[in-house]
Amino acid sequence: MRRLTALSRGFGDGIGGSGEPLLTCEFPKVLNRPSMEILAPIARTIRQRKIVSIDYASHGSGFSTREIAPFALVNDGLRWHVRAYDRKRPDFLDFVITRISRSRLAETGQVLPHELPAADIQWNRIVELDLVPHPNQEHPGIIENDYGMTGGLLHLKLRAAVAGYVLRQWIVDCSSGHSLQGKEYRLWLRNHLALYGVSSAQFAPGYEFPEV
């Protein structure tokens, strides 16, 4: 991956080195660009383990001001999120950075023990996922080569908090009976039960939460 990056974007930092790409390479347009004015206070509070106050727009609750304890940035392939404890809910959530209109250091001091990353169950839980060529595809051998599978299997270990994002980005059919149709579904999650209790599974294509 480093070699591909160097070839497509150039070597060095532009000082005494080549900053030009060695090969022609087309990148998809980036549609989601977080503002550095918004991101800077969040980054500082992550390093200092403090609380940041944000003005946030949510599909569910509209516009609101929240105090959060951020501890990590997450890129789901489409958007940048900040993983944080939300004092309004209260729970650990992902906040889309471009939905934050203002961020500033809060006056409420340090992060409390139950707001630390160690208390985030979804972040610390590791799920093991087995991806195989989708049974509806005619040439599974090609898919095995595309994804570097061993014995027809690609085994992933992911944080539960981000697993659903990865499965969505890779367009993985997560239905129990590989029922999703379409040539875009080249992969099937063979052990879909591994997503039980995973909050981000709501983003996994075709996954249905079991009835309680």
C-alpha atoms as a PDB file:
ATOM      1  CA  MET A   1       0.000   0.000   0.000  1.00  0.00           C
ATOM      2  CA  ARG A   2       2.859   2.409   0.761  1.00  0.00           C
ATOM      3  CA  ARG A   3       4.414   1.691  -2.617  1.00  0.00           C
ATOM      4  CA  LEU A   4       1.104   2.384  -4.384  1.00  0.00           C
ATOM      5  CA  THR A   5       0.764   5.651  -2.500  1.00  0.00           C
ATOM      6  CA  ALA A   6       4.316   6.670  -3.411  1.00  0.00           C
ATOM      7  CA  LEU A   7       3.824   5.813  -7.078  1.00  0.00           C
ATOM      8  CA  SER A   8       0.509   7.616  -7.370  1.00  0.00           C
ATOM      9  CA  ARG A   9       1.242  10.656  -5.196  1.00  0.00           C
ATOM     10  CA  GLY A  10       5.015  11.034  -5.323  1.00  0.00           C
ATOM     11  CA  PHE A  11       7.900  10.544  -2.920  1.00  0.00           C
ATOM     12  CA  GLY A  12       9.150  12.863  -0.211  1.00  0.00           C
ATOM     13  CA  ASP A  13       7.700  16.014   1.270  1.00  0.00           C
ATOM     14  CA  GLY A  14       8.507  18.363  -1.578  1.00  0.00           C
ATOM     15  CA  ILE A  15      11.823  19.480  -0.076  1.00  0.00           C
ATOM     16  CA  GLY A  16      14.698  17.844  -1.909  1.00  0.00           C
ATOM     17  CA  GLY A  17      12.391  15.101  -3.180  1.00  0.00           C
ATOM     18  CA  SER A  18       9.904  14.524  -5.946  1.00  0.00           C
ATOM     19  CA  GLY A  19       6.410  15.615  -5.060  1.00  0.00           C
ATOM     20  CA  GLU A  20       5.055  14.603  -8.460  1.00  0.00           C
ATOM     21  CA  PRO A  21       3.348  11.232  -9.023  1.00  0.00           C
ATOM     22  CA  LEU A  22       5.404   8.681 -10.949  1.00  0.00           C
ATOM     23  CA  LEU A  23       2.324   7.161 -12.612  1.00  0.00           C
ATOM     24  CA  THR A  24      -0.949   8.599 -13.829  1.00  0.00           C
ATOM     25  CA  CYS A  25      -3.579   7.748 -11.247  1.00  0.00           C
ATOM     26  CA  GLU A  26      -7.178   8.919 -10.985  1.00  0.00           C
ATOM     27  CA  PHE A  27      -8.686   9.308  -7.507  1.00  0.00           C
ATOM     28  CA  PRO A  28     -12.407   9.622  -6.744  1.00  0.00           C
ATOM     29  CA  LYS A  29     -13.557  13.097  -5.811  1.00  0.00           C
ATOM     30  CA  VAL A  30     -13.656  13.724  -2.078  1.00  0.00           C
ATOM     31  CA  LEU A  31     -17.165  14.911  -1.224  1.00  0.00           C
ATOM     32  CA  ASN A  32     -16.701  15.184   2.527  1.00  0.00           C
ATOM     33  CA  ARG A  33     -14.043  17.648   3.706  1.00  0.00           C
ATOM     34  CA  PRO A  34     -14.072  18.457   7.443  1.00  0.00           C
ATOM     35  CA  SER A  35     -13.295  22.056   8.340  1.00  0.00           C
ATOM     36  CA  MET A  36      -9.991  22.504  10.147  1.00  0.00           C
ATOM     37  CA  GLU A  37     -11.618  25.235  12.222  1.00  0.00           C
ATOM     38  CA  ILE A  38     -14.042  22.608  13.533  1.00  0.00           C
ATOM     39  CA  LEU A  39     -11.521  19.781  13.713  1.00  0.00           C
ATOM     40  CA  ALA A  40      -8.745  21.639  15.581  1.00  0.00           C
ATOM     41  CA  PRO A  41     -10.551  22.013  18.966  1.00  0.00           C
ATOM     42  CA  ILE A  42     -11.671  18.373  18.734  1.00  0.00           C
ATOM     43  CA  ALA A  43      -8.121  17.183  18.068  1.00  0.00           C
ATOM     44  CA  ARG A  44      -6.816  19.195  21.027  1.00  0.00           C
ATOM     45  CA  THR A  45      -9.412  17.760  23.413  1.00  0.00           C
ATOM     46  CA  ILE A  46      -8.582  14.224  22.234  1.00  0.00           C
ATOM     47  CA  ARG A  47      -4.929  14.751  23.141  1.00  0.00           C
ATOM     48  CA  GLN A  48      -5.728  16.527  26.413  1.00  0.00           C
ATOM     49  CA  ARG A  49      -8.628  14.236  27.395  1.00  0.00           C
ATOM     50  CA  LYS A  50     -11.027  17.100  27.908  1.00  0.00           C
ATOM     51  CA  ILE A  51     -14.623  17.914  27.007  1.00  0.00           C
ATOM     52  CA  VAL A  52     -15.598  19.776  23.835  1.00  0.00           C
ATOM     53  CA  SER A  53     -18.895  21.556  23.275  1.00  0.00           C
ATOM     54  CA  ILE A  54     -20.339  21.197  19.781  1.00  0.00           C
ATOM     55  CA  ASP A  55     -23.324  22.516  17.849  1.00  0.00           C
ATOM     56  CA  TYR A  56     -24.555  19.459  15.985  1.00  0.00           C
ATOM     57  CA  ALA A  57     -27.205  18.667  13.370  1.00  0.00           C
ATOM     58  CA  SER A  58     -28.796  15.220  13.621  1.00  0.00           C
ATOM     59  CA  HIS A  59     -31.455  13.602  11.431  1.00  0.00           C
ATOM     60  CA  GLY A  60     -33.178  12.342  14.555  1.00  0.00           C
ATOM     61  CA  SER A  61     -33.047  15.264  16.988  1.00  0.00           C
ATOM     62  CA  GLY A  62     -32.316  18.254  14.744  1.00  0.00           C
ATOM     63  CA  PHE A  63     -29.937  20.987  15.921  1.00  0.00           C
ATOM     64  CA  SER A  64     -28.599  20.839  19.455  1.00  0.00           C
ATOM     65  CA  THR A  65     -25.621  21.752  21.596  1.00  0.00           C
ATOM     66  CA  ARG A  66     -23.836  18.791  23.142  1.00  0.00           C
ATOM     67  CA  GLU A  67     -20.877  18.179  25.407  1.00  0.00           C
ATOM     68  CA  ILE A  68     -18.803  15.237  24.229  1.00  0.00           C
ATOM     69  CA  ALA A  69     -15.612  13.477  25.284  1.00  0.00           C
ATOM     70  CA  PRO A  70     -13.885  12.607  21.980  1.00  0.00           C
ATOM     71  CA  PHE A  71     -11.105  10.028  21.772  1.00  0.00           C
ATOM     72  CA  ALA A  72     -10.714   8.908  18.129  1.00  0.00           C
ATOM     73  CA  LEU A  73     -11.323   9.910  14.521  1.00  0.00           C
ATOM     74  CA  VAL A  74     -12.932   7.380  12.174  1.00  0.00           C
ATOM     75  CA  ASN A  75     -13.135   7.401   8.380  1.00  0.00           C
ATOM     76  CA  ASP A  76     -15.855   5.079   7.066  1.00  0.00           C
ATOM     77  CA  GLY A  77     -14.762   5.496   3.455  1.00  0.00           C
ATOM     78  CA  LEU A  78     -17.379   8.164   2.829  1.00  0.00           C
ATOM     79  CA  ARG A  79     -17.286  10.517   5.818  1.00  0.00           C
ATOM     80  CA  TRP A  80     -15.143  11.460   8.773  1.00  0.00           C
ATOM     81  CA  HIS A  81     -16.561  10.791  12.236  1.00  0.00           C
ATOM     82  CA  VAL A  82     -15.382  11.497  15.750  1.00  0.00           C
ATOM     83  CA  ARG A  83     -15.939   8.726  18.300  1.00  0.00           C
ATOM     84  CA  ALA A  84     -16.968  10.242  21.605  1.00  0.00           C
ATOM     85  CA  TYR A  85     -19.007   9.912  24.758  1.00  0.00           C
ATOM     86  CA  ASP A  86     -22.126  12.043  24.479  1.00  0.00           C
ATOM     87  CA  ARG A  87     -23.305  13.509  27.772  1.00  0.00           C
ATOM     88  CA  LYS A  88     -26.716  14.251  26.283  1.00  0.00           C
ATOM     89  CA  ARG A  89     -27.663  10.640  25.432  1.00  0.00           C
ATOM     90  CA  PRO A  90     -25.601   9.456  27.491  1.00  0.00           C
ATOM     91  CA  ASP A  91     -23.667   6.908  25.425  1.00  0.00           C
ATOM     92  CA  PHE A  92     -20.693   6.438  23.105  1.00  0.00           C
ATOM     93  CA  LEU A  93     -21.602   7.621  19.595  1.00  0.00           C
ATOM     94  CA  ASP A  94     -20.148   8.544  16.223  1.00  0.00           C
ATOM     95  CA  PHE A  95     -20.530  12.195  15.203  1.00  0.00           C
ATOM     96  CA  VAL A  96     -20.182  13.180  11.541  1.00  0.00           C
ATOM     97  CA  ILE A  97     -17.683  16.030  11.592  1.00  0.00           C
ATOM     98  CA  THR A  98     -19.273  17.973   8.731  1.00  0.00           C
ATOM     99  CA  ARG A  99     -22.512  18.149  10.755  1.00  0.00           C
ATOM    100  CA  ILE A 100     -20.710  20.100  13.481  1.00  0.00           C
ATOM    101  CA  SER A 101     -21.176  23.836  12.912  1.00  0.00           C
ATOM    102  CA  ARG A 102     -19.132  24.978  15.920  1.00  0.00           C
ATOM    103  CA  SER A 103     -16.725  23.362  18.382  1.00  0.00           C
ATOM    104  CA  ARG A 104     -14.948  24.822  21.407  1.00  0.00           C
ATOM    105  CA  LEU A 105     -13.399  23.682  24.661  1.00  0.00           C
ATOM    106  CA  ALA A 106     -16.074  23.194  27.318  1.00  0.00           C
ATOM    107  CA  GLU A 107     -15.815  24.652  30.794  1.00  0.00           C
ATOM    108  CA  THR A 108     -16.694  21.400  32.540  1.00  0.00           C
ATOM    109  CA  GLY A 109     -13.147  20.133  33.000  1.00  0.00           C
ATOM    110  CA  GLN A 110     -11.709  16.656  32.591  1.00  0.00           C
ATOM    111  CA  VAL A 111     -13.232  13.486  31.204  1.00  0.00           C
ATOM    112  CA  LEU A 112     -14.827  11.255  33.862  1.00  0.00           C
ATOM    113  CA  PRO A 113     -13.885   7.554  34.196  1.00  0.00           C
ATOM    114  CA  HIS A 114     -17.100   6.270  32.583  1.00  0.00           C
ATOM    115  CA  GLU A 115     -16.448   8.560  29.589  1.00  0.00           C
ATOM    116  CA  LEU A 116     -13.007   7.117  28.782  1.00  0.00           C
ATOM    117  CA  PRO A 117     -12.355   4.826  25.781  1.00  0.00           C
ATOM    118  CA  ALA A 118     -11.918   1.853  28.101  1.00  0.00           C
ATOM    119  CA  ALA A 119     -15.635   2.069  28.928  1.00  0.00           C
ATOM    120  CA  ASP A 120     -16.728   1.978  25.278  1.00  0.00           C
ATOM    121  CA  ILE A 121     -17.847  -1.634  24.811  1.00  0.00           C
ATOM    122  CA  GLN A 122     -18.430  -1.340  21.058  1.00  0.00           C
ATOM    123  CA  TRP A 123     -15.017   0.236  20.502  1.00  0.00           C
ATOM    124  CA  ASN A 124     -13.136  -2.392  22.493  1.00  0.00           C
ATOM    125  CA  ARG A 125     -15.063  -5.406  21.215  1.00  0.00           C
ATOM    126  CA  ILE A 126     -13.341  -7.158  18.295  1.00  0.00           C
ATOM    127  CA  VAL A 127     -15.529  -9.092  15.871  1.00  0.00           C
ATOM    128  CA  GLU A 128     -14.148 -11.757  13.529  1.00  0.00           C
ATOM    129  CA  LEU A 129     -15.829 -11.831  10.133  1.00  0.00           C
ATOM    130  CA  ASP A 130     -15.539 -14.472   7.403  1.00  0.00           C
ATOM    131  CA  LEU A 131     -16.046 -13.082   3.904  1.00  0.00           C
ATOM    132  CA  VAL A 132     -16.432 -15.447   0.950  1.00  0.00           C
ATOM    133  CA  PRO A 133     -17.271 -14.981  -2.751  1.00  0.00           C
ATOM    134  CA  HIS A 134     -20.982 -14.337  -3.127  1.00  0.00           C
ATOM    135  CA  PRO A 135     -22.744 -17.591  -4.126  1.00  0.00           C
ATOM    136  CA  ASN A 136     -24.592 -15.715  -6.893  1.00  0.00           C
ATOM    137  CA  GLN A 137     -21.356 -14.763  -8.658  1.00  0.00           C
ATOM    138  CA  GLU A 138     -20.328 -16.948 -11.601  1.00  0.00           C
ATOM    139  CA  HIS A 139     -16.558 -16.713 -11.183  1.00  0.00           C
ATOM    140  CA  PRO A 140     -15.618 -17.070  -7.492  1.00  0.00           C
ATOM    141  CA  GLY A 141     -11.965 -17.647  -8.366  1.00  0.00           C
ATOM    142  CA  ILE A 142     -11.656 -14.123  -9.738  1.00  0.00           C
ATOM    143  CA  ILE A 143     -13.136 -12.706  -6.534  1.00  0.00           C
ATOM    144  CA  GLU A 144     -10.714 -14.777  -4.448  1.00  0.00           C
ATOM    145  CA  ASN A 145      -7.811 -13.234  -6.350  1.00  0.00           C
ATOM    146  CA  ASP A 146      -9.271  -9.712  -6.150  1.00  0.00           C
ATOM    147  CA  TYR A 147      -9.425  -9.841  -2.361  1.00  0.00           C
ATOM    148  CA  GLY A 148      -6.359 -12.001  -1.692  1.00  0.00           C
ATOM    149  CA  MET A 149      -8.372 -14.813  -0.150  1.00  0.00           C
ATOM    150  CA  THR A 150      -6.830 -17.964   1.251  1.00  0.00           C
ATOM    151  CA  GLY A 151      -8.798 -21.128   0.607  1.00  0.00           C
ATOM    152  CA  GLY A 152     -11.737 -19.055  -0.609  1.00  0.00           C
ATOM    153  CA  LEU A 153     -11.930 -17.086   2.637  1.00  0.00           C
ATOM    154  CA  LEU A 154     -11.041 -13.579   3.794  1.00  0.00           C
ATOM    155  CA  HIS A 155     -10.907 -13.384   7.583  1.00  0.00           C
ATOM    156  CA  LEU A 156     -11.207  -9.922   9.135  1.00  0.00           C
ATOM    157  CA  LYS A 157     -10.856  -8.666  12.683  1.00  0.00           C
ATOM    158  CA  LEU A 158     -12.601  -5.331  13.201  1.00  0.00           C
ATOM    159  CA  ARG A 159     -13.791  -3.125  16.019  1.00  0.00           C
ATOM    160  CA  ALA A 160     -17.517  -3.579  16.502  1.00  0.00           C
ATOM    161  CA  ALA A 161     -17.912   0.200  16.346  1.00  0.00           C
ATOM    162  CA  VAL A 162     -16.674   0.323  12.735  1.00  0.00           C
ATOM    163  CA  ALA A 163     -17.536  -3.145  11.366  1.00  0.00           C
ATOM    164  CA  GLY A 164     -20.789  -2.013   9.759  1.00  0.00           C
ATOM    165  CA  TYR A 165     -19.046   0.850   7.979  1.00  0.00           C
ATOM    166  CA  VAL A 166     -16.471  -1.508   6.452  1.00  0.00           C
ATOM    167  CA  LEU A 167     -19.131  -3.977   5.315  1.00  0.00           C
ATOM    168  CA  ARG A 168     -21.082  -1.145   3.682  1.00  0.00           C
ATOM    169  CA  GLN A 169     -18.011   0.268   1.982  1.00  0.00           C
ATOM    170  CA  TRP A 170     -17.097  -3.155   0.571  1.00  0.00           C
ATOM    171  CA  ILE A 171     -20.758  -3.807  -0.432  1.00  0.00           C
ATOM    172  CA  VAL A 172     -20.877  -7.106   1.465  1.00  0.00           C
ATOM    173  CA  ASP A 173     -24.151  -9.044   1.481  1.00  0.00           C
ATOM    174  CA  CYS A 174     -24.778  -9.618   5.196  1.00  0.00           C
ATOM    175  CA  SER A 175     -28.134 -11.356   4.848  1.00  0.00           C
ATOM    176  CA  SER A 176     -28.396 -14.812   6.368  1.00  0.00           C
ATOM    177  CA  GLY A 177     -29.250 -16.476   3.055  1.00  0.00           C
ATOM    178  CA  HIS A 178     -27.115 -14.350   0.692  1.00  0.00           C
ATOM    179  CA  SER A 179     -30.390 -13.004  -0.698  1.00  0.00           C
ATOM    180  CA  LEU A 180     -29.234  -9.614  -2.000  1.00  0.00           C
ATOM    181  CA  GLN A 181     -29.201  -9.488  -5.780  1.00  0.00           C
ATOM    182  CA  GLY A 182     -26.906  -7.512  -8.053  1.00  0.00           C
ATOM    183  CA  LYS A 183     -23.438  -7.808  -9.532  1.00  0.00           C
ATOM    184  CA  GLU A 184     -22.144  -5.267  -7.010  1.00  0.00           C
ATOM    185  CA  TYR A 185     -22.460  -7.876  -4.248  1.00  0.00           C
ATOM    186  CA  ARG A 186     -19.257  -9.806  -4.809  1.00  0.00           C
ATOM    187  CA  LEU A 187     -18.829 -10.795  -1.165  1.00  0.00           C
ATOM    188  CA  TRP A 188     -21.043 -12.542   1.374  1.00  0.00           C
ATOM    189  CA  LEU A 189     -20.629 -12.515   5.144  1.00  0.00           C
ATOM    190  CA  ARG A 190     -20.741 -16.233   5.867  1.00  0.00           C
ATOM    191  CA  ASN A 191     -20.918 -15.919   9.656  1.00  0.00           C
ATOM    192  CA  HIS A 192     -23.554 -13.192   9.906  1.00  0.00           C
ATOM    193  CA  LEU A 193     -24.229 -14.181  13.535  1.00  0.00           C
ATOM    194  CA  ALA A 194     -20.918 -12.502  14.399  1.00  0.00           C
ATOM    195  CA  LEU A 195     -22.770  -9.186  14.081  1.00  0.00           C
ATOM    196  CA  TYR A 196     -25.106  -9.985  16.962  1.00  0.00           C
ATOM    197  CA  GLY A 197     -24.993  -7.085  19.411  1.00  0.00           C
ATOM    198  CA  VAL A 198     -22.895  -4.931  17.053  1.00  0.00           C
ATOM    199  CA  SER A 199     -24.435  -1.455  16.932  1.00  0.00           C
ATOM    200  CA  SER A 200     -22.844  -0.497  13.604  1.00  0.00           C
ATOM    201  CA  ALA A 201     -24.487  -3.541  11.969  1.00  0.00           C
ATOM    202  CA  GLN A 202     -27.344  -1.187  11.083  1.00  0.00           C
ATOM    203  CA  PHE A 203     -25.149  -0.053   8.180  1.00  0.00           C
ATOM    204  CA  ALA A 204     -24.312  -3.585   6.971  1.00  0.00           C
ATOM    205  CA  PRO A 205     -26.173  -4.354   3.712  1.00  0.00           C
ATOM    206  CA  GLY A 206     -28.939  -6.886   4.204  1.00  0.00           C
ATOM    207  CA  TYR A 207     -28.320  -7.521   7.888  1.00  0.00           C
ATOM    208  CA  GLU A 208     -31.457  -7.942   9.978  1.00  0.00           C
ATOM    209  CA  PHE A 209     -31.363  -7.550  13.728  1.00  0.00           C
ATOM    210  CA  PRO A 210     -32.846 -10.604  15.439  1.00  0.00           C
ATOM    211  CA  GLU A 211     -36.219 -10.102  17.075  1.00  0.00           C
ATOM    212  CA  VAL A 212     -36.052  -9.747  20.832  1.00  0.00           C
END
